[in-house]
């Protein structure tokens, strides 16, 4: 085991972050800073690499529930609480970034917010951003939850929520637990049904974003809406 203190100073995660910025760090290095210490026989970086491998990626580690997280070596309730606080701060930051702004002028912030909400989950979730007539976010809601391979979406319930929030437009989003963000025929079908339903009350469907392991897929960018 190589101790972090034995590494060249400018290659240690904290010093590297201060000198080159957080974007220069690997997933394991970022996680090592959060962990702060390793365990017997493993440095914080070694432990971070093991954890990322065990969970199948950083996103799945971050999405783990309390039991799964705390059962992993080197973790526990204290770190789970810290991580949840960090995640919620990030969600609230991104929510502020898109609230009060035309989401069409900040598509990256909108997509980042949806990724943070939905990426890495072990079950499928269908969510909706309800927007006003200037395409500003009114509310984010997770409307339907399913199993690993699908969630039942009911257009009538989406219609009710759009009326409840007096929405003028919506952006749909759901995750693919497989990590592959390609739209299925079922995704295309339900999007068309939802469009037809919301057309009746003059609510525009601006986009449907599928969240996978990477950047995700936008129906609008694909010309599917």
Protein backbone atom coordinates (compact mmCIF):
# COMPACT_ATOMS: atom_id res chain seq x y z
CA UNK A 1 0.00 0.00 0.00
CA UNK A 2 1.23 3.46 -0.94
CA UNK A 3 0.22 6.03 1.63
CA UNK A 4 -1.13 9.31 0.29
CA UNK A 5 1.52 11.11 2.33
CA UNK A 6 4.17 9.14 0.42
CA UNK A 7 2.92 10.43 -2.93
CA UNK A 8 4.49 13.50 -4.60
CA UNK A 9 2.79 16.51 -3.05
CA UNK A 10 1.23 17.78 -6.29
CA UNK A 11 -0.28 14.32 -6.95
CA UNK A 12 -2.09 14.05 -3.63
CA UNK A 13 -5.85 14.52 -4.20
CA UNK A 14 -6.30 17.62 -2.03
CA UNK A 15 -3.23 19.40 -3.33
CA UNK A 16 -4.06 18.38 -6.90
CA UNK A 17 -7.57 19.82 -6.54
CA UNK A 18 -6.26 23.12 -5.19
CA UNK A 19 -3.67 23.42 -7.93
CA UNK A 20 -5.57 22.09 -10.99
CA UNK A 21 -9.24 22.22 -10.03
CA UNK A 22 -11.72 19.49 -9.06
CA UNK A 23 -12.27 18.50 -12.69
CA UNK A 24 -8.68 17.23 -12.88
CA UNK A 25 -9.30 14.49 -10.31
CA UNK A 26 -10.38 10.94 -11.07
CA UNK A 27 -13.55 9.51 -9.51
CA UNK A 28 -11.40 7.61 -7.00
CA UNK A 29 -9.45 10.73 -6.04
CA UNK A 30 -12.63 12.74 -5.48
CA UNK A 31 -14.11 9.95 -3.38
CA UNK A 32 -10.86 9.66 -1.41
CA UNK A 33 -11.16 13.31 -0.38
CA UNK A 34 -14.68 12.61 0.86
CA UNK A 35 -13.59 9.46 2.72
CA UNK A 36 -10.62 11.28 4.27
CA UNK A 37 -9.07 8.04 5.65
CA UNK A 38 -8.59 4.51 4.47
CA UNK A 39 -8.83 1.24 6.39
CA UNK A 40 -6.20 -1.20 7.60
CA UNK A 41 -3.93 -2.02 4.69
CA UNK A 42 -5.60 0.43 2.28
CA UNK A 43 -5.13 4.13 1.68
CA UNK A 44 -8.17 6.33 1.07
CA UNK A 45 -7.51 6.13 -2.68
CA UNK A 46 -7.21 2.33 -2.60
CA UNK A 47 -10.45 2.13 -0.62
CA UNK A 48 -12.16 4.51 -3.04
CA UNK A 49 -11.14 2.38 -6.03
CA UNK A 50 -12.43 -0.77 -4.30
CA UNK A 51 -15.76 0.88 -3.48
CA UNK A 52 -16.28 2.15 -7.04
CA UNK A 53 -15.54 -1.34 -8.37
CA UNK A 54 -17.84 -2.99 -5.81
CA UNK A 55 -20.79 -0.75 -6.61
CA UNK A 56 -20.16 -0.75 -10.35
CA UNK A 57 -19.39 2.93 -10.68
CA UNK A 58 -19.48 6.20 -8.79
CA UNK A 59 -23.09 6.93 -9.78
CA UNK A 60 -24.33 3.66 -8.29
CA UNK A 61 -22.35 4.27 -5.11
CA UNK A 62 -23.96 7.69 -4.75
CA UNK A 63 -27.42 6.23 -5.38
CA UNK A 64 -27.02 3.37 -2.88
CA UNK A 65 -29.54 3.15 -0.06
CA UNK A 66 -28.46 3.31 3.59
CA UNK A 67 -28.19 -0.45 4.07
CA UNK A 68 -26.17 -1.03 0.89
CA UNK A 69 -23.91 1.91 1.62
CA UNK A 70 -23.24 1.09 5.26
CA UNK A 71 -22.51 -2.58 4.58
CA UNK A 72 -19.50 -1.64 2.45
CA UNK A 73 -16.12 -1.74 4.15
CA UNK A 74 -14.91 1.66 5.25
CA UNK A 75 -18.34 3.27 5.17
CA UNK A 76 -21.04 3.72 7.79
CA UNK A 77 -23.90 5.89 8.99
CA UNK A 78 -21.76 8.99 9.53
CA UNK A 79 -20.43 8.96 5.96
CA UNK A 80 -23.90 8.12 4.62
CA UNK A 81 -25.31 11.20 6.35
CA UNK A 82 -22.47 13.37 5.05
CA UNK A 83 -22.96 12.12 1.51
CA UNK A 84 -26.71 12.68 1.58
CA UNK A 85 -26.12 16.24 2.76
CA UNK A 86 -23.65 16.88 -0.06
CA UNK A 87 -26.05 15.41 -2.61
CA UNK A 88 -28.94 17.52 -1.36
CA UNK A 89 -26.82 20.68 -1.45
CA UNK A 90 -26.00 19.88 -5.08
CA UNK A 91 -29.67 19.24 -5.93
CA UNK A 92 -30.72 22.52 -4.34
CA UNK A 93 -27.94 24.40 -6.11
CA UNK A 94 -28.99 23.02 -9.49
CA UNK A 95 -32.66 23.64 -8.66
CA UNK A 96 -31.83 27.30 -8.03
CA UNK A 97 -29.87 27.37 -11.28
CA UNK A 98 -32.93 26.39 -13.32
CA UNK A 99 -35.71 27.98 -11.25
CA UNK A 100 -36.70 31.39 -12.56
CA UNK A 101 -34.87 30.88 -15.84
CA UNK A 102 -36.04 29.76 -19.24
CA UNK A 103 -34.91 26.12 -19.22
CA UNK A 104 -34.41 26.24 -22.98
CA UNK A 105 -31.59 28.75 -22.44
CA UNK A 106 -29.88 26.51 -19.85
CA UNK A 107 -30.31 22.96 -21.15
CA UNK A 108 -27.09 21.74 -19.53
CA UNK A 109 -28.18 22.83 -16.03
CA UNK A 110 -31.58 21.22 -16.60
CA UNK A 111 -30.02 17.97 -17.72
CA UNK A 112 -27.53 18.01 -14.83
CA UNK A 113 -30.39 18.45 -12.37
CA UNK A 114 -32.33 15.54 -13.86
CA UNK A 115 -29.21 13.35 -13.90
CA UNK A 116 -28.54 14.06 -10.25
CA UNK A 117 -32.12 13.12 -9.44
CA UNK A 118 -32.39 9.96 -11.52
CA UNK A 119 -29.00 8.49 -12.44
CA UNK A 120 -27.82 5.33 -10.72
CA UNK A 121 -31.20 4.23 -9.36
CA UNK A 122 -31.90 0.49 -9.35
CA UNK A 123 -35.53 1.03 -10.36
CA UNK A 124 -37.15 3.13 -13.06
CA UNK A 125 -38.63 6.50 -12.15
CA UNK A 126 -40.73 8.74 -14.41
CA UNK A 127 -40.53 12.42 -13.50
CA UNK A 128 -41.79 15.72 -14.82
CA UNK A 129 -40.66 19.33 -14.74
CA UNK A 130 -43.74 21.56 -14.84
CA UNK A 131 -43.05 24.94 -16.47
CA UNK A 132 -44.82 28.29 -16.74
CA UNK A 133 -45.53 30.17 -19.96
CA UNK A 134 -41.97 31.52 -19.97
CA UNK A 135 -40.56 28.01 -19.61
CA UNK A 136 -39.46 28.60 -16.04
CA UNK A 137 -39.59 25.70 -13.58
CA UNK A 138 -42.64 25.63 -11.32
CA UNK A 139 -42.18 22.18 -9.83
CA UNK A 140 -40.28 18.91 -10.19
CA UNK A 141 -42.21 15.74 -9.40
CA UNK A 142 -41.42 12.04 -9.53
CA UNK A 143 -44.78 10.69 -10.65
CA UNK A 144 -44.29 6.96 -11.18
CA UNK A 145 -41.90 4.29 -9.91
CA UNK A 146 -41.36 0.84 -11.26
CA UNK A 147 -39.11 -2.20 -11.30
CA UNK A 148 -35.68 -2.54 -12.85
CA UNK A 149 -37.15 -2.69 -16.37
CA UNK A 150 -40.04 -0.26 -16.41
CA UNK A 151 -42.56 2.04 -14.76
CA UNK A 152 -46.24 2.26 -15.63
CA UNK A 153 -47.09 5.80 -16.73
CA UNK A 154 -50.71 6.98 -16.62
CA UNK A 155 -51.51 9.99 -18.85
CA UNK A 156 -54.55 10.89 -16.74
CA UNK A 157 -52.37 11.41 -13.66
CA UNK A 158 -49.92 13.56 -15.64
CA UNK A 159 -52.84 15.63 -16.90
CA UNK A 160 -54.13 16.15 -13.34
CA UNK A 161 -50.72 17.34 -12.14
CA UNK A 162 -50.30 19.70 -15.10
CA UNK A 163 -53.65 21.30 -14.22
CA UNK A 164 -52.76 21.38 -10.52
CA UNK A 165 -49.58 23.37 -11.21
CA UNK A 166 -51.19 25.48 -13.94
CA UNK A 167 -48.36 24.42 -16.23
CA UNK A 168 -47.95 25.80 -19.73
CA UNK A 169 -45.26 23.30 -20.71
CA UNK A 170 -43.53 20.20 -19.40
CA UNK A 171 -40.30 18.26 -19.72
CA UNK A 172 -40.50 14.54 -19.03
CA UNK A 173 -37.60 12.48 -17.75
CA UNK A 174 -37.02 8.91 -16.75
CA UNK A 175 -34.03 6.72 -16.05
CA UNK A 176 -32.90 3.43 -17.53
CA UNK A 177 -31.37 1.36 -14.69
CA UNK A 178 -29.42 -0.59 -17.34
CA UNK A 179 -27.44 2.59 -17.97
CA UNK A 180 -28.25 2.56 -21.69
CA UNK A 181 -30.14 5.75 -22.56
CA UNK A 182 -31.53 4.71 -25.94
CA UNK A 183 -35.33 5.21 -26.21
CA UNK A 184 -37.42 2.07 -26.53
CA UNK A 185 -40.59 1.68 -28.58
CA UNK A 186 -42.50 1.87 -25.29
CA UNK A 187 -40.78 5.19 -24.51
CA UNK A 188 -41.77 6.59 -27.90
CA UNK A 189 -45.33 5.31 -27.53
CA UNK A 190 -45.98 6.76 -24.08
CA UNK A 191 -44.44 10.11 -25.07
CA UNK A 192 -46.84 10.36 -27.99
CA UNK A 193 -49.79 9.44 -25.75
CA UNK A 194 -48.77 12.08 -23.24
CA UNK A 195 -48.40 14.68 -25.98
CA UNK A 196 -51.88 13.93 -27.28
CA UNK A 197 -53.33 14.09 -23.76
CA UNK A 198 -51.69 17.40 -22.87
CA UNK A 199 -52.52 18.95 -26.25
CA UNK A 200 -56.15 18.92 -25.08
CA UNK A 201 -55.32 21.56 -22.44
CA UNK A 202 -52.70 23.43 -24.51
CA UNK A 203 -49.71 22.22 -22.50
CA UNK A 204 -46.60 21.81 -24.64
CA UNK A 205 -44.22 18.87 -24.26
CA UNK A 206 -40.79 20.44 -24.77
CA UNK A 207 -38.64 17.36 -24.26
CA UNK A 208 -38.34 13.88 -22.84
CA UNK A 209 -34.92 13.08 -21.41
CA UNK A 210 -33.73 9.55 -20.73
CA UNK A 211 -31.07 9.38 -18.04
CA UNK A 212 -28.44 6.65 -18.31
CA UNK A 213 -24.85 6.32 -17.17
CA UNK A 214 -23.58 9.08 -19.46
CA UNK A 215 -25.15 12.32 -20.70
CA UNK A 216 -28.54 10.85 -21.52
CA UNK A 217 -30.78 11.20 -24.55
CA UNK A 218 -32.98 14.14 -25.46
CA UNK A 219 -36.03 13.42 -27.61
CA UNK A 220 -36.02 17.04 -28.77
CA UNK A 221 -32.41 16.81 -29.94
CA UNK A 222 -33.21 13.56 -31.75
CA UNK A 223 -36.20 15.17 -33.50
CA UNK A 224 -38.58 12.77 -31.74
CA UNK A 225 -40.76 15.59 -30.37
